[in-house]
Structures are given as C-alpha cells and as structure tokens.
C-alpha cells in the first residue's frame, strides 16, 4: 500500500508520529516520509533517532504550522498520502486560549483540505477524538468542526482523485497528560493514594500501535467520508488505580471542568449510519454526495439507537488484565 509512496504527517513529531513513522519505516519500502511540525528541536531529536535506519534517507523534515496555508502548499507537492495529526489537544489550554485552538484545529484543518485538493494528494486521514462526540469543551468543539470539514471535503473533490476520511479514538494508554503517567508520577514521588475524580468513571483502552493500525486501515480501504472506530475494551478508573498500586486508598476528588464520566465514540443519532465489522465500526456519511454502493463489504448495520460508550461496552478489562497491559505501556 505505501511502497513507493510519499506520505506526510502533520504534527509528525508527536507520540503518534513517532510510532507511525517507526512502523512504516520498518514495514514498507517508502518513497518519502515528510514530517511536518512546528518544533525544530523535536525534529532534531527525531532525525537522530532514525539516522541509522536503512531508510533514513527517505525522511524529510519541514518546519511549518498548519495555520500557514502557503507553507502547506509547498510541503504537499508530490505527496500521495497525508495523515493529519496536528492539533492543540489539552482541554484546559484550549479553554484558556480559545482563539489559538480555533486557529490550529479549525483553520488548520481548512488549510490541510485546501492544500490536499489543490496539490494532487490522493488520500487524507485525519485523527479525531471521542471529545468531538457530543462535545462539552472547546477542544471537543473544534475537533467536531474539523471532522465535519474533512468529511465535507469529499464533496469538493470533483473529478480529482482524492478522498478524505477520519479515524476516532480516545486517549492513548500512557500518552502525555493521561491518567497512567499521572498515577505513576504520584507513586514515584512517594504517594500512597491515587485520587479518583469520580468512582463511576470509565474509559476505552487503546494502545498507540492500535491507533497506528487503524490509520493504516483507513489509508488502505477508505473511499472517502468514512469515520473508522476500533472495537476496544473498556476499563474502570478505580480498577486502573488498583492495578497500578494494589490496595491503595482512592479518595474521590470530583470531576474536572470539561471532563466526561464516559467516553463516547458513536452516538445514538449516528447509529442510523453505522455498520459493524469484525474489529471496527464505520460511520458512513449521510450527505447527497455519498453513494451507498461505496459501503465496505462484510458490514452489518447496528441497531437503531446503538451507542458505543465506554460505560456500556460489552468488553471489559479486569484488574489482572490491566496490570498485564501496563507492563507493555511506555509513556509518550
């Protein structure tokens, strides 16, 4: 699929970018891999990380911001595939800096769409988040708009051979700012109790590698307009705490502003357009430009008012299973 192709990753020096680049360098004979990001130091670190890789000469590093439309046009020249991972993601930061979140997450998405349409890109896969589903904070709101922009871009492709699709998942296990490193830092500092915002809280469990595989599936199979969502297990935050520090006290400290009790990936409203496959779901577009004959084979329509929520999931991790998975989790 990627052999001989040029692929560009926006926000490519982030945790997803590192994992994605590592995987494709090891498993495909690539044309070029373009890392597009703002931080020259992170690019320096990434360049050194792969300097001895047998495909190191395929890596290109573009310093640039998705807010900069002209720079994107330059970077997208002769690119086959784009993975859009750049975003402002920290909920409190977006709340305090709303205009900056809009500039990156919404205006940046518009720039990526325009550049892809005009520069001959064949496929764009944008990373979404559970927070874009029934959003209650600004980050989720900007990502909802971003998702809509990428899906609607398919209506503007005309005779151009380009498609836009989305992959959606929640916080990656061990990612920066998530609960696992938060708990581990408390323990490393000598703490013997782990605070729980709400005893009822649940989350989906997805590893960074599973996120990479979902993007690769979208790059391989998307026809344009789909939202891909992995089937993954749920866990209770209280069970995670006990897996990390067995027998610890767990004071309930109250839910934070902009935080949800459960992660939702598919709403009841989206159930009308959602099909279930062996290892994932696809939400199809419900627009006049979408041809229902383009649905992927092998899917089964979910029941009306189906909701994919971490709190009502049928697949759950036990404390023992969480403990086993934690042994494979690096912090990104």
C-alpha atoms as a PDB file:
ATOM      1  CA  UNK A   1       0.000   0.000   0.000  1.00  0.00           C
ATOM      2  CA  UNK A   2       2.719   2.513   0.981  1.00  0.00           C
ATOM      3  CA  UNK A   3       5.533   1.009  -1.089  1.00  0.00           C
ATOM      4  CA  UNK A   4       6.992   3.715  -3.275  1.00  0.00           C
ATOM      5  CA  UNK A   5       4.584   6.326  -1.914  1.00  0.00           C
ATOM      6  CA  UNK A   6       5.289   9.698  -0.351  1.00  0.00           C
ATOM      7  CA  UNK A   7       3.434  10.236   2.908  1.00  0.00           C
ATOM      8  CA  UNK A   8       3.273  13.394   5.020  1.00  0.00           C
ATOM      9  CA  UNK A   9       2.326  13.525   8.708  1.00  0.00           C
ATOM     10  CA  UNK A  10       1.251  16.859  10.185  1.00  0.00           C
ATOM     11  CA  UNK A  11       2.236  17.076  13.842  1.00  0.00           C
ATOM     12  CA  UNK A  12       4.650  14.313  12.950  1.00  0.00           C
ATOM     13  CA  UNK A  13       6.952  14.728  15.968  1.00  0.00           C
ATOM     14  CA  UNK A  14       4.194  13.842  18.445  1.00  0.00           C
ATOM     15  CA  UNK A  15       3.683  10.456  20.060  1.00  0.00           C
ATOM     16  CA  UNK A  16       1.527   9.189  17.197  1.00  0.00           C
ATOM     17  CA  UNK A  17       4.015  10.437  14.615  1.00  0.00           C
ATOM     18  CA  UNK A  18       6.907   8.614  16.261  1.00  0.00           C
ATOM     19  CA  UNK A  19       5.027   5.319  16.403  1.00  0.00           C
ATOM     20  CA  UNK A  20       3.609   5.674  12.909  1.00  0.00           C
ATOM     21  CA  UNK A  21       6.930   6.580  11.315  1.00  0.00           C
ATOM     22  CA  UNK A  22       8.716   3.764  13.129  1.00  0.00           C
ATOM     23  CA  UNK A  23       6.163   1.247  11.858  1.00  0.00           C
ATOM     24  CA  UNK A  24       6.093   2.341   8.229  1.00  0.00           C
ATOM     25  CA  UNK A  25       9.884   2.614   8.026  1.00  0.00           C
ATOM     26  CA  UNK A  26      10.176  -0.974   9.249  1.00  0.00           C
ATOM     27  CA  UNK A  27       7.399  -2.438   7.097  1.00  0.00           C
ATOM     28  CA  UNK A  28       7.310  -0.594   3.748  1.00  0.00           C
ATOM     29  CA  UNK A  29       9.769   0.491   1.066  1.00  0.00           C
ATOM     30  CA  UNK A  30       8.751   4.110   1.019  1.00  0.00           C
ATOM     31  CA  UNK A  31       9.183   6.887  -1.476  1.00  0.00           C
ATOM     32  CA  UNK A  32       9.499   9.662   1.114  1.00  0.00           C
ATOM     33  CA  UNK A  33       8.214  10.403   4.605  1.00  0.00           C
ATOM     34  CA  UNK A  34       7.656  14.091   5.296  1.00  0.00           C
ATOM     35  CA  UNK A  35       7.494  15.179   8.938  1.00  0.00           C
ATOM     36  CA  UNK A  36       5.629  18.478   9.130  1.00  0.00           C
ATOM     37  CA  UNK A  37       5.669  20.176  12.536  1.00  0.00           C
ATOM     38  CA  UNK A  38       6.457  23.432  14.345  1.00  0.00           C
ATOM     39  CA  UNK A  39       9.220  22.370  16.748  1.00  0.00           C
ATOM     40  CA  UNK A  40      12.685  22.229  15.201  1.00  0.00           C
ATOM     41  CA  UNK A  41      14.177  20.666  18.340  1.00  0.00           C
ATOM     42  CA  UNK A  42      11.718  17.770  18.265  1.00  0.00           C
ATOM     43  CA  UNK A  43      12.589  17.303  14.605  1.00  0.00           C
ATOM     44  CA  UNK A  44      16.288  17.232  15.537  1.00  0.00           C
ATOM     45  CA  UNK A  45      15.584  14.518  18.127  1.00  0.00           C
ATOM     46  CA  UNK A  46      13.528  12.520  15.633  1.00  0.00           C
ATOM     47  CA  UNK A  47      16.147  12.829  12.893  1.00  0.00           C
ATOM     48  CA  UNK A  48      18.816  11.464  15.252  1.00  0.00           C
ATOM     49  CA  UNK A  49      16.529   8.634  16.353  1.00  0.00           C
ATOM     50  CA  UNK A  50      16.361   7.271  12.806  1.00  0.00           C
ATOM     51  CA  UNK A  51      19.758   8.321  11.473  1.00  0.00           C
ATOM     52  CA  UNK A  52      20.987   4.703  11.315  1.00  0.00           C
ATOM     53  CA  UNK A  53      17.770   3.247   9.915  1.00  0.00           C
ATOM     54  CA  UNK A  54      18.161   1.669   6.490  1.00  0.00           C
ATOM     55  CA  UNK A  55      15.511   4.067   5.145  1.00  0.00           C
ATOM     56  CA  UNK A  56      16.836   7.182   6.920  1.00  0.00           C
ATOM     57  CA  UNK A  57      17.429   8.845   3.553  1.00  0.00           C
ATOM     58  CA  UNK A  58      13.666   8.765   2.924  1.00  0.00           C
ATOM     59  CA  UNK A  59      12.906  11.127   5.834  1.00  0.00           C
ATOM     60  CA  UNK A  60      12.272  14.813   5.191  1.00  0.00           C
ATOM     61  CA  UNK A  61      11.651  17.422   7.907  1.00  0.00           C
ATOM     62  CA  UNK A  62       9.554  20.510   7.182  1.00  0.00           C
ATOM     63  CA  UNK A  63       9.314  23.172   9.868  1.00  0.00           C
ATOM     64  CA  UNK A  64       5.840  24.604   9.470  1.00  0.00           C
ATOM     65  CA  UNK A  65       2.449  25.204  11.038  1.00  0.00           C
ATOM     66  CA  UNK A  66      -0.906  24.004   9.725  1.00  0.00           C
ATOM     67  CA  UNK A  67      -2.037  27.610  10.181  1.00  0.00           C
ATOM     68  CA  UNK A  68       0.348  28.599   7.379  1.00  0.00           C
ATOM     69  CA  UNK A  69      -1.524  27.854   4.149  1.00  0.00           C
ATOM     70  CA  UNK A  70       1.366  28.743   1.833  1.00  0.00           C
ATOM     71  CA  UNK A  71       3.796  26.509   3.684  1.00  0.00           C
ATOM     72  CA  UNK A  72       1.352  23.603   3.491  1.00  0.00           C
ATOM     73  CA  UNK A  73       1.039  24.054  -0.265  1.00  0.00           C
ATOM     74  CA  UNK A  74       4.815  23.840  -0.590  1.00  0.00           C
ATOM     75  CA  UNK A  75       5.019  20.776   1.671  1.00  0.00           C
ATOM     76  CA  UNK A  76       2.176  18.923  -0.106  1.00  0.00           C
ATOM     77  CA  UNK A  77       3.824  18.981  -3.518  1.00  0.00           C
ATOM     78  CA  UNK A  78       4.190  15.407  -4.883  1.00  0.00           C
ATOM     79  CA  UNK A  79       2.702  13.895  -1.686  1.00  0.00           C
ATOM     80  CA  UNK A  80       0.466  10.827  -2.126  1.00  0.00           C
ATOM     81  CA  UNK A  81      -0.983  10.422   1.382  1.00  0.00           C
ATOM     82  CA  UNK A  82      -1.465  12.823   4.304  1.00  0.00           C
ATOM     83  CA  UNK A  83      -2.098  11.866   7.926  1.00  0.00           C
ATOM     84  CA  UNK A  84      -3.341  14.890   9.831  1.00  0.00           C
ATOM     85  CA  UNK A  85      -2.325  14.561  13.486  1.00  0.00           C
ATOM     86  CA  UNK A  86      -1.536  18.202  14.306  1.00  0.00           C
ATOM     87  CA  UNK A  87      -3.842  19.775  16.893  1.00  0.00           C
ATOM     88  CA  UNK A  88      -3.982  21.665  20.151  1.00  0.00           C
ATOM     89  CA  UNK A  89      -5.229  18.881  22.425  1.00  0.00           C
ATOM     90  CA  UNK A  90      -5.009  19.922  26.067  1.00  0.00           C
ATOM     91  CA  UNK A  91      -8.511  20.725  27.314  1.00  0.00           C
ATOM     92  CA  UNK A  92      -7.521  23.417  29.884  1.00  0.00           C
ATOM     93  CA  UNK A  93      -5.148  25.080  27.427  1.00  0.00           C
ATOM     94  CA  UNK A  94      -7.837  25.260  24.748  1.00  0.00           C
ATOM     95  CA  UNK A  95     -10.308  26.709  27.243  1.00  0.00           C
ATOM     96  CA  UNK A  96      -7.861  29.449  28.228  1.00  0.00           C
ATOM     97  CA  UNK A  97      -6.656  30.085  24.669  1.00  0.00           C
ATOM     98  CA  UNK A  98      -9.809  29.562  22.597  1.00  0.00           C
ATOM     99  CA  UNK A  99      -8.741  31.633  19.597  1.00  0.00           C
ATOM    100  CA  UNK A 100      -5.493  29.689  19.323  1.00  0.00           C
ATOM    101  CA  UNK A 101      -7.418  26.402  19.407  1.00  0.00           C
ATOM    102  CA  UNK A 102      -9.670  27.653  16.612  1.00  0.00           C
ATOM    103  CA  UNK A 103      -6.682  28.779  14.518  1.00  0.00           C
ATOM    104  CA  UNK A 104      -4.958  25.400  14.752  1.00  0.00           C
ATOM    105  CA  UNK A 105      -7.808  22.895  14.959  1.00  0.00           C
ATOM    106  CA  UNK A 106     -10.309  24.559  12.603  1.00  0.00           C
ATOM    107  CA  UNK A 107      -8.389  26.972  10.370  1.00  0.00           C
ATOM    108  CA  UNK A 108      -5.547  24.457  10.182  1.00  0.00           C
ATOM    109  CA  UNK A 109      -7.962  21.752   9.047  1.00  0.00           C
ATOM    110  CA  UNK A 110      -9.301  24.056   6.335  1.00  0.00           C
ATOM    111  CA  UNK A 111      -5.762  24.696   5.132  1.00  0.00           C
ATOM    112  CA  UNK A 112      -4.983  20.961   5.004  1.00  0.00           C
ATOM    113  CA  UNK A 113      -8.165  20.364   2.989  1.00  0.00           C
ATOM    114  CA  UNK A 114      -7.380  23.138   0.509  1.00  0.00           C
ATOM    115  CA  UNK A 115      -3.764  22.054   0.063  1.00  0.00           C
ATOM    116  CA  UNK A 116      -4.748  18.414  -0.448  1.00  0.00           C
ATOM    117  CA  UNK A 117      -7.385  19.337  -3.039  1.00  0.00           C
ATOM    118  CA  UNK A 118      -5.061  21.615  -4.988  1.00  0.00           C
ATOM    119  CA  UNK A 119      -1.763  19.702  -4.783  1.00  0.00           C
ATOM    120  CA  UNK A 120      -2.823  16.281  -6.057  1.00  0.00           C
ATOM    121  CA  UNK A 121      -2.854  14.368  -2.742  1.00  0.00           C
ATOM    122  CA  UNK A 122      -4.684  11.037  -3.129  1.00  0.00           C
ATOM    123  CA  UNK A 123      -5.796  10.313   0.448  1.00  0.00           C
ATOM    124  CA  UNK A 124      -6.097  12.247   3.674  1.00  0.00           C
ATOM    125  CA  UNK A 125      -6.765  10.567   7.011  1.00  0.00           C
ATOM    126  CA  UNK A 126      -7.474  12.907   9.926  1.00  0.00           C
ATOM    127  CA  UNK A 127      -7.176  11.875  13.579  1.00  0.00           C
ATOM    128  CA  UNK A 128     -10.292  12.616  15.605  1.00  0.00           C
ATOM    129  CA  UNK A 129     -11.150  12.119  19.285  1.00  0.00           C
ATOM    130  CA  UNK A 130     -14.001  10.962  21.476  1.00  0.00           C
ATOM    131  CA  UNK A 131     -14.199  14.556  22.711  1.00  0.00           C
ATOM    132  CA  UNK A 132     -15.605  15.571  19.323  1.00  0.00           C
ATOM    133  CA  UNK A 133     -18.684  13.462  20.103  1.00  0.00           C
ATOM    134  CA  UNK A 134     -21.323  15.493  21.954  1.00  0.00           C
ATOM    135  CA  UNK A 135     -18.588  17.991  22.911  1.00  0.00           C
ATOM    136  CA  UNK A 136     -18.690  19.751  26.271  1.00  0.00           C
ATOM    137  CA  UNK A 137     -15.390  21.645  25.973  1.00  0.00           C
ATOM    138  CA  UNK A 138     -13.758  23.871  23.378  1.00  0.00           C
ATOM    139  CA  UNK A 139     -11.235  21.244  22.300  1.00  0.00           C
ATOM    140  CA  UNK A 140     -14.069  18.843  21.508  1.00  0.00           C
ATOM    141  CA  UNK A 141     -15.987  21.589  19.741  1.00  0.00           C
ATOM    142  CA  UNK A 142     -13.069  22.488  17.487  1.00  0.00           C
ATOM    143  CA  UNK A 143     -12.458  18.827  16.656  1.00  0.00           C
ATOM    144  CA  UNK A 144     -16.123  18.341  15.796  1.00  0.00           C
ATOM    145  CA  UNK A 145     -15.844  21.202  13.298  1.00  0.00           C
ATOM    146  CA  UNK A 146     -12.576  19.751  11.999  1.00  0.00           C
ATOM    147  CA  UNK A 147     -14.243  16.355  11.441  1.00  0.00           C
ATOM    148  CA  UNK A 148     -17.095  17.992   9.543  1.00  0.00           C
ATOM    149  CA  UNK A 149     -14.639  19.884   7.348  1.00  0.00           C
ATOM    150  CA  UNK A 150     -12.747  16.754   6.357  1.00  0.00           C
ATOM    151  CA  UNK A 151     -15.908  14.783   5.620  1.00  0.00           C
ATOM    152  CA  UNK A 152     -17.423  17.621   3.584  1.00  0.00           C
ATOM    153  CA  UNK A 153     -14.166  17.969   1.613  1.00  0.00           C
ATOM    154  CA  UNK A 154     -15.178  14.859  -0.324  1.00  0.00           C
ATOM    155  CA  UNK A 155     -17.991  16.897  -1.913  1.00  0.00           C
ATOM    156  CA  UNK A 156     -15.412  19.320  -3.325  1.00  0.00           C
ATOM    157  CA  UNK A 157     -13.074  16.764  -4.873  1.00  0.00           C
ATOM    158  CA  UNK A 158     -14.970  16.693  -8.181  1.00  0.00           C
ATOM    159  CA  UNK A 159     -13.008  14.676 -10.704  1.00  0.00           C
ATOM    160  CA  UNK A 160      -9.857  14.866  -8.587  1.00  0.00           C
ATOM    161  CA  UNK A 161      -8.620  11.512  -7.318  1.00  0.00           C
ATOM    162  CA  UNK A 162      -8.596  12.445  -3.618  1.00  0.00           C
ATOM    163  CA  UNK A 163     -10.524  11.162  -0.612  1.00  0.00           C
ATOM    164  CA  UNK A 164     -10.830  12.311   2.990  1.00  0.00           C
ATOM    165  CA  UNK A 165     -11.669  10.084   5.970  1.00  0.00           C
ATOM    166  CA  UNK A 166     -11.414  10.088   9.760  1.00  0.00           C
ATOM    167  CA  UNK A 167     -10.215   7.725  12.479  1.00  0.00           C
ATOM    168  CA  UNK A 168     -11.540   8.245  16.001  1.00  0.00           C
ATOM    169  CA  UNK A 169     -10.236   7.042  19.345  1.00  0.00           C
ATOM    170  CA  UNK A 170      -9.836   8.377  22.877  1.00  0.00           C
ATOM    171  CA  UNK A 171      -6.747   8.984  24.984  1.00  0.00           C
ATOM    172  CA  UNK A 172      -3.967   6.564  24.153  1.00  0.00           C
ATOM    173  CA  UNK A 173      -2.827   4.497  27.138  1.00  0.00           C
ATOM    174  CA  UNK A 174       0.266   6.176  28.580  1.00  0.00           C
ATOM    175  CA  UNK A 175       0.018   9.313  26.439  1.00  0.00           C
ATOM    176  CA  UNK A 176       1.110  12.682  27.803  1.00  0.00           C
ATOM    177  CA  UNK A 177      -1.449  14.208  30.152  1.00  0.00           C
ATOM    178  CA  UNK A 178      -3.398  10.965  30.587  1.00  0.00           C
ATOM    179  CA  UNK A 179      -4.162   9.154  33.814  1.00  0.00           C
ATOM    180  CA  UNK A 180      -1.476   6.426  33.698  1.00  0.00           C
ATOM    181  CA  UNK A 181       1.555   8.788  33.848  1.00  0.00           C
ATOM    182  CA  UNK A 182      -0.367  10.916  36.365  1.00  0.00           C
ATOM    183  CA  UNK A 183      -0.746   7.944  38.717  1.00  0.00           C
ATOM    184  CA  UNK A 184       2.827   6.788  38.126  1.00  0.00           C
ATOM    185  CA  UNK A 185       4.203  10.239  38.967  1.00  0.00           C
ATOM    186  CA  UNK A 186       2.313  10.224  42.278  1.00  0.00           C
ATOM    187  CA  UNK A 187       3.839   6.860  43.164  1.00  0.00           C
ATOM    188  CA  UNK A 188       7.327   7.953  42.046  1.00  0.00           C
ATOM    189  CA  UNK A 189       7.018  10.947  44.381  1.00  0.00           C
ATOM    190  CA  UNK A 190       6.274   8.656  47.325  1.00  0.00           C
ATOM    191  CA  UNK A 191       2.466   8.934  47.288  1.00  0.00           C
ATOM    192  CA  UNK A 192       0.419   6.032  48.637  1.00  0.00           C
ATOM    193  CA  UNK A 193      -3.056   7.047  47.451  1.00  0.00           C
ATOM    194  CA  UNK A 194      -4.419   7.716  43.978  1.00  0.00           C
ATOM    195  CA  UNK A 195      -7.146  10.359  43.587  1.00  0.00           C
ATOM    196  CA  UNK A 196     -10.212   9.439  41.529  1.00  0.00           C
ATOM    197  CA  UNK A 197     -12.304  12.226  40.027  1.00  0.00           C
ATOM    198  CA  UNK A 198     -15.459  10.065  40.086  1.00  0.00           C
ATOM    199  CA  UNK A 199     -15.790   6.421  41.123  1.00  0.00           C
ATOM    200  CA  UNK A 200     -18.142   5.778  38.178  1.00  0.00           C
ATOM    201  CA  UNK A 201     -15.664   6.941  35.549  1.00  0.00           C
ATOM    202  CA  UNK A 202     -14.754   4.603  32.659  1.00  0.00           C
ATOM    203  CA  UNK A 203     -12.516   4.869  29.625  1.00  0.00           C
ATOM    204  CA  UNK A 204     -11.673   2.892  26.492  1.00  0.00           C
ATOM    205  CA  UNK A 205      -8.254   1.240  26.333  1.00  0.00           C
ATOM    206  CA  UNK A 206      -6.286   1.698  23.119  1.00  0.00           C
ATOM    207  CA  UNK A 207      -2.549   1.402  22.612  1.00  0.00           C
ATOM    208  CA  UNK A 208      -0.568   3.648  20.304  1.00  0.00           C
ATOM    209  CA  UNK A 209       0.105   0.714  17.992  1.00  0.00           C
ATOM    210  CA  UNK A 210      -3.640   0.031  17.715  1.00  0.00           C
ATOM    211  CA  UNK A 211      -4.122   3.670  16.755  1.00  0.00           C
ATOM    212  CA  UNK A 212      -1.468   3.305  14.051  1.00  0.00           C
ATOM    213  CA  UNK A 213      -3.132   0.170  12.687  1.00  0.00           C
ATOM    214  CA  UNK A 214      -6.475   1.967  12.454  1.00  0.00           C
ATOM    215  CA  UNK A 215      -4.873   4.753  10.410  1.00  0.00           C
ATOM    216  CA  UNK A 216      -3.255   2.200   8.106  1.00  0.00           C
ATOM    217  CA  UNK A 217      -6.635   0.511   7.615  1.00  0.00           C
ATOM    218  CA  UNK A 218      -8.160   3.851   6.647  1.00  0.00           C
ATOM    219  CA  UNK A 219      -5.300   4.591   4.239  1.00  0.00           C
ATOM    220  CA  UNK A 220      -5.759   1.182   2.674  1.00  0.00           C
ATOM    221  CA  UNK A 221      -9.546   0.934   2.493  1.00  0.00           C
ATOM    222  CA  UNK A 222     -11.171   4.376   2.758  1.00  0.00           C
ATOM    223  CA  UNK A 223     -13.143   5.582  -0.228  1.00  0.00           C
ATOM    224  CA  UNK A 224     -13.892   8.971   1.290  1.00  0.00           C
ATOM    225  CA  UNK A 225     -16.266  10.116   4.006  1.00  0.00           C
ATOM    226  CA  UNK A 226     -15.919   7.238   6.467  1.00  0.00           C
ATOM    227  CA  UNK A 227     -15.250   7.523  10.178  1.00  0.00           C
ATOM    228  CA  UNK A 228     -13.333   4.441  11.402  1.00  0.00           C
ATOM    229  CA  UNK A 229     -13.614   3.396  15.059  1.00  0.00           C
ATOM    230  CA  UNK A 230     -11.797   0.407  16.590  1.00  0.00           C
ATOM    231  CA  UNK A 231     -13.548  -2.161  18.775  1.00  0.00           C
ATOM    232  CA  UNK A 232     -11.611  -1.906  22.031  1.00  0.00           C
ATOM    233  CA  UNK A 233     -12.193  -2.843  25.684  1.00  0.00           C
ATOM    234  CA  UNK A 234     -13.290  -0.550  28.499  1.00  0.00           C
ATOM    235  CA  UNK A 235     -11.875  -0.217  31.994  1.00  0.00           C
ATOM    236  CA  UNK A 236     -12.882   1.460  35.233  1.00  0.00           C
ATOM    237  CA  UNK A 237     -10.543   4.141  36.554  1.00  0.00           C
ATOM    238  CA  UNK A 238     -10.789   2.570  40.007  1.00  0.00           C
ATOM    239  CA  UNK A 239      -9.584  -0.751  38.533  1.00  0.00           C
ATOM    240  CA  UNK A 240      -6.682   1.034  36.858  1.00  0.00           C
ATOM    241  CA  UNK A 241      -5.669   2.549  40.194  1.00  0.00           C
ATOM    242  CA  UNK A 242      -5.734  -0.868  41.862  1.00  0.00           C
ATOM    243  CA  UNK A 243      -3.703  -2.379  39.016  1.00  0.00           C
ATOM    244  CA  UNK A 244      -1.031   0.303  39.386  1.00  0.00           C
ATOM    245  CA  UNK A 245      -0.964   0.389  43.209  1.00  0.00           C
ATOM    246  CA  UNK A 246      -2.834  -2.597  44.703  1.00  0.00           C
ATOM    247  CA  UNK A 247      -4.710  -1.853  47.909  1.00  0.00           C
ATOM    248  CA  UNK A 248      -4.222   1.905  47.659  1.00  0.00           C
ATOM    249  CA  UNK A 249      -6.643   4.475  49.031  1.00  0.00           C
ATOM    250  CA  UNK A 250      -8.682   6.174  46.316  1.00  0.00           C
ATOM    251  CA  UNK A 251     -10.146   9.479  47.522  1.00  0.00           C
ATOM    252  CA  UNK A 252     -12.877  10.848  45.255  1.00  0.00           C
ATOM    253  CA  UNK A 253     -11.919  14.428  44.385  1.00  0.00           C
ATOM    254  CA  UNK A 254     -14.677  15.475  41.973  1.00  0.00           C
ATOM    255  CA  UNK A 255     -14.936  15.624  38.215  1.00  0.00           C
ATOM    256  CA  UNK A 256     -12.985  18.389  36.478  1.00  0.00           C
ATOM    257  CA  UNK A 257     -14.418  21.043  34.192  1.00  0.00           C
ATOM    258  CA  UNK A 258     -14.815  19.730  30.645  1.00  0.00           C
ATOM    259  CA  UNK A 259     -14.408  16.103  31.705  1.00  0.00           C
ATOM    260  CA  UNK A 260     -16.913  13.326  30.945  1.00  0.00           C
ATOM    261  CA  UNK A 261     -17.791  10.281  33.017  1.00  0.00           C
ATOM    262  CA  UNK A 262     -17.541   8.030  29.965  1.00  0.00           C
ATOM    263  CA  UNK A 263     -16.012   8.162  26.506  1.00  0.00           C
ATOM    264  CA  UNK A 264     -18.489   8.005  23.634  1.00  0.00           C
ATOM    265  CA  UNK A 265     -17.329   7.092  20.128  1.00  0.00           C
ATOM    266  CA  UNK A 266     -20.675   6.597  18.387  1.00  0.00           C
ATOM    267  CA  UNK A 267     -23.872   8.422  19.331  1.00  0.00           C
ATOM    268  CA  UNK A 268     -27.401   7.071  19.087  1.00  0.00           C
ATOM    269  CA  UNK A 269     -28.007   9.542  16.274  1.00  0.00           C
ATOM    270  CA  UNK A 270     -25.051   8.147  14.321  1.00  0.00           C
ATOM    271  CA  UNK A 271     -26.378   4.599  14.715  1.00  0.00           C
ATOM    272  CA  UNK A 272     -28.567   5.203  11.659  1.00  0.00           C
ATOM    273  CA  UNK A 273     -25.428   5.334   9.516  1.00  0.00           C
ATOM    274  CA  UNK A 274     -23.115   2.949  11.388  1.00  0.00           C
ATOM    275  CA  UNK A 275     -22.040  -0.525  10.285  1.00  0.00           C
ATOM    276  CA  UNK A 276     -20.260  -3.111  12.403  1.00  0.00           C
ATOM    277  CA  UNK A 277     -17.321  -5.132  11.121  1.00  0.00           C
ATOM    278  CA  UNK A 278     -15.173  -7.785  12.763  1.00  0.00           C
ATOM    279  CA  UNK A 279     -12.747  -5.448  14.538  1.00  0.00           C
ATOM    280  CA  UNK A 280     -14.135  -1.971  13.951  1.00  0.00           C
ATOM    281  CA  UNK A 281     -17.140   0.205  13.169  1.00  0.00           C
ATOM    282  CA  UNK A 282     -17.610   2.622  10.292  1.00  0.00           C
ATOM    283  CA  UNK A 283     -19.902   5.632  10.391  1.00  0.00           C
ATOM    284  CA  UNK A 284     -20.832   6.455   6.802  1.00  0.00           C
ATOM    285  CA  UNK A 285     -21.759   9.921   5.552  1.00  0.00           C
ATOM    286  CA  UNK A 286     -25.387  10.942   5.244  1.00  0.00           C
ATOM    287  CA  UNK A 287     -24.991  13.564   2.535  1.00  0.00           C
ATOM    288  CA  UNK A 288     -26.203  13.815  -1.044  1.00  0.00           C
ATOM    289  CA  UNK A 289     -22.688  13.292  -2.411  1.00  0.00           C
ATOM    290  CA  UNK A 290     -22.344   9.886  -0.758  1.00  0.00           C
ATOM    291  CA  UNK A 291     -23.188   6.796  -2.827  1.00  0.00           C
ATOM    292  CA  UNK A 292     -24.410   3.935  -0.607  1.00  0.00           C
ATOM    293  CA  UNK A 293     -22.912   1.434  -3.059  1.00  0.00           C
ATOM    294  CA  UNK A 294     -19.491   2.532  -1.782  1.00  0.00           C
ATOM    295  CA  UNK A 295     -20.027   0.899   1.618  1.00  0.00           C
ATOM    296  CA  UNK A 296     -17.407  -1.680   2.522  1.00  0.00           C
ATOM    297  CA  UNK A 297     -18.317  -5.364   2.173  1.00  0.00           C
ATOM    298  CA  UNK A 298     -18.959  -7.543   5.199  1.00  0.00           C
ATOM    299  CA  UNK A 299     -20.588  -4.985   7.455  1.00  0.00           C
ATOM    300  CA  UNK A 300     -23.800  -5.303   9.413  1.00  0.00           C
ATOM    301  CA  UNK A 301     -25.916  -2.285  10.245  1.00  0.00           C
ATOM    302  CA  UNK A 302     -26.070  -1.675  14.003  1.00  0.00           C
ATOM    303  CA  UNK A 303     -29.398  -1.490  15.777  1.00  0.00           C
ATOM    304  CA  UNK A 304     -31.163   1.840  15.848  1.00  0.00           C
ATOM    305  CA  UNK A 305     -30.157   3.893  18.915  1.00  0.00           C
ATOM    306  CA  UNK A 306     -26.992   1.836  19.357  1.00  0.00           C
ATOM    307  CA  UNK A 307     -24.356   3.806  21.265  1.00  0.00           C
ATOM    308  CA  UNK A 308     -20.672   2.928  21.548  1.00  0.00           C
ATOM    309  CA  UNK A 309     -19.802   4.140  25.036  1.00  0.00           C
ATOM    310  CA  UNK A 310     -17.088   3.052  27.458  1.00  0.00           C
ATOM    311  CA  UNK A 311     -19.697   2.811  30.219  1.00  0.00           C
ATOM    312  CA  UNK A 312     -21.982   0.384  28.365  1.00  0.00           C
ATOM    313  CA  UNK A 313     -19.367  -1.543  26.399  1.00  0.00           C
ATOM    314  CA  UNK A 314     -19.630  -5.357  26.370  1.00  0.00           C
ATOM    315  CA  UNK A 315     -15.848  -5.876  26.544  1.00  0.00           C
ATOM    316  CA  UNK A 316     -14.165  -5.042  29.885  1.00  0.00           C
ATOM    317  CA  UNK A 317     -10.654  -5.338  31.256  1.00  0.00           C
ATOM    318  CA  UNK A 318     -10.182  -6.860  34.697  1.00  0.00           C
ATOM    319  CA  UNK A 319      -7.631  -5.557  37.201  1.00  0.00           C
ATOM    320  CA  UNK A 320      -5.379  -8.500  36.308  1.00  0.00           C
ATOM    321  CA  UNK A 321      -5.632  -7.773  32.580  1.00  0.00           C
ATOM    322  CA  UNK A 322      -4.906  -4.082  33.120  1.00  0.00           C
ATOM    323  CA  UNK A 323      -1.857  -4.982  35.173  1.00  0.00           C
ATOM    324  CA  UNK A 324      -0.567  -7.177  32.348  1.00  0.00           C
ATOM    325  CA  UNK A 325      -1.134  -4.464  29.760  1.00  0.00           C
ATOM    326  CA  UNK A 326       0.615  -1.862  31.888  1.00  0.00           C
ATOM    327  CA  UNK A 327       3.819  -3.840  31.536  1.00  0.00           C
ATOM    328  CA  UNK A 328       3.821  -3.050  27.820  1.00  0.00           C
ATOM    329  CA  UNK A 329       2.918   0.616  28.135  1.00  0.00           C
ATOM    330  CA  UNK A 330       5.547   3.262  27.550  1.00  0.00           C
ATOM    331  CA  UNK A 331       4.816   6.867  28.359  1.00  0.00           C
ATOM    332  CA  UNK A 332       4.806   9.083  25.296  1.00  0.00           C
END
